[in-house]
Amino acid sequence: MSTRDQNNQIAFRYRAVDSATGVSRETAKRLAAQLGVDETQAIHRALHELAVRVLPQYERDDGLLTAAQTRQIKQCVPQSTKRSVRSSLIDMERT
């Protein structure tokens, strides 16, 4: 195994029993069998699902828009004096 491959790996230790912070080898084997993959792939899939739930899925922006950016957006959007929203969800005659 090359040095590059060794630097790209971590030690993974199963827990003796399942808990909120880890799983046993038996659970990992059962999960892998249920998913039809090997244990390594099951771990990768679990980490991917956790990453999607926990980590932002977009790049951070630079914060609030500047006044110039706001003006530019307003220039691109047609401005009208009549602004109303109709909804078929609420029957206005009954309310």
Protein backbone atom coordinates (compact mmCIF):
# COMPACT_ATOMS: atom_id res chain seq x y z
CA MET A 1 0.00 0.00 0.00
CA SER A 2 1.42 3.40 -0.97
CA THR A 3 2.03 6.21 1.52
CA ARG A 4 -0.66 8.24 -0.21
CA ASP A 5 -3.23 5.47 0.39
CA GLN A 6 -2.18 5.14 4.04
CA ASN A 7 -2.67 8.87 4.64
CA ASN A 8 -6.20 8.62 3.23
CA GLN A 9 -7.37 6.03 5.77
CA ILE A 10 -8.52 6.02 9.38
CA ALA A 11 -8.84 3.30 12.00
CA PHE A 12 -12.47 2.30 12.57
CA ARG A 13 -13.42 0.46 15.72
CA TYR A 14 -16.80 -1.13 16.23
CA ARG A 15 -18.47 -0.83 19.62
CA ALA A 16 -19.01 -3.84 21.86
CA VAL A 17 -22.73 -3.02 21.97
CA ASP A 18 -25.01 -0.77 19.92
CA SER A 19 -25.63 2.70 21.32
CA ALA A 20 -26.47 6.23 20.16
CA THR A 21 -22.78 6.78 19.43
CA GLY A 22 -21.83 3.58 17.66
CA VAL A 23 -22.73 0.13 16.40
CA SER A 24 -21.39 -3.37 16.87
CA ARG A 25 -19.80 -5.37 14.08
CA GLU A 26 -22.84 -7.65 14.04
CA THR A 27 -25.16 -4.68 13.39
CA ALA A 28 -22.87 -3.42 10.62
CA LYS A 29 -22.92 -6.87 9.00
CA ARG A 30 -26.71 -7.09 9.23
CA LEU A 31 -27.10 -3.59 7.78
CA ALA A 32 -24.70 -4.34 4.94
CA ALA A 33 -26.57 -7.56 4.14
CA GLN A 34 -29.91 -5.73 4.17
CA LEU A 35 -28.55 -3.08 1.80
CA GLY A 36 -26.78 -5.62 -0.39
CA VAL A 37 -23.36 -4.01 0.04
CA ASP A 38 -20.19 -4.73 1.99
CA GLU A 39 -19.50 -3.25 5.44
CA THR A 40 -17.29 -0.49 4.09
CA GLN A 41 -19.97 0.67 1.67
CA ALA A 42 -22.59 0.55 4.45
CA ILE A 43 -20.40 2.83 6.57
CA HIS A 44 -19.91 5.23 3.64
CA ARG A 45 -23.66 5.34 2.98
CA ALA A 46 -24.41 6.00 6.65
CA LEU A 47 -21.84 8.81 6.78
CA HIS A 48 -23.23 10.29 3.55
CA GLU A 49 -26.78 10.35 4.93
CA LEU A 50 -25.53 12.00 8.12
CA ALA A 51 -23.57 14.59 6.13
CA VAL A 52 -26.65 15.48 4.07
CA ARG A 53 -28.71 15.95 7.24
CA VAL A 54 -26.12 17.83 9.30
CA LEU A 55 -23.90 19.82 6.93
CA PRO A 56 -25.11 22.77 4.84
CA GLN A 57 -25.71 21.69 1.25
CA TYR A 58 -24.79 25.04 -0.25
CA GLU A 59 -21.83 27.38 -0.16
CA ARG A 60 -21.97 30.23 2.31
CA ASP A 61 -22.74 33.54 0.67
CA ASP A 62 -21.22 36.91 1.43
CA GLY A 63 -24.09 38.01 3.66
CA LEU A 64 -26.72 40.64 3.03
CA LEU A 65 -27.12 42.29 -0.36
CA THR A 66 -25.58 45.69 -0.83
CA ALA A 67 -27.73 48.69 -1.74
CA ALA A 68 -26.31 48.56 -5.27
CA GLN A 69 -27.26 44.89 -5.64
CA THR A 70 -30.78 45.61 -4.40
CA ARG A 71 -31.16 48.46 -6.90
CA GLN A 72 -29.92 46.23 -9.71
CA ILE A 73 -32.48 43.52 -8.83
CA LYS A 74 -35.29 46.07 -8.71
CA GLN A 75 -34.28 47.36 -12.15
CA CYS A 76 -34.54 43.83 -13.59
CA VAL A 77 -37.95 43.07 -12.07
CA PRO A 78 -41.02 44.71 -13.60
CA GLN A 79 -42.44 47.14 -11.05
CA SER A 80 -46.17 47.75 -10.97
CA THR A 81 -48.42 49.66 -8.66
CA LYS A 82 -51.02 46.91 -8.25
CA ARG A 83 -49.80 44.16 -6.00
CA SER A 84 -52.21 41.49 -4.81
CA VAL A 85 -52.17 37.81 -4.22
CA ARG A 86 -55.13 35.57 -4.92
CA SER A 87 -55.45 32.25 -3.23
CA SER A 88 -57.89 29.48 -3.84
CA LEU A 89 -57.02 28.03 -0.43
CA ILE A 90 -59.12 30.54 1.52
CA ASP A 91 -62.75 31.29 0.72
CA MET A 92 -62.85 35.04 1.38
CA GLU A 93 -66.66 35.11 1.35
CA ARG A 94 -66.87 32.85 4.40
CA THR A 95 -64.22 34.63 6.48
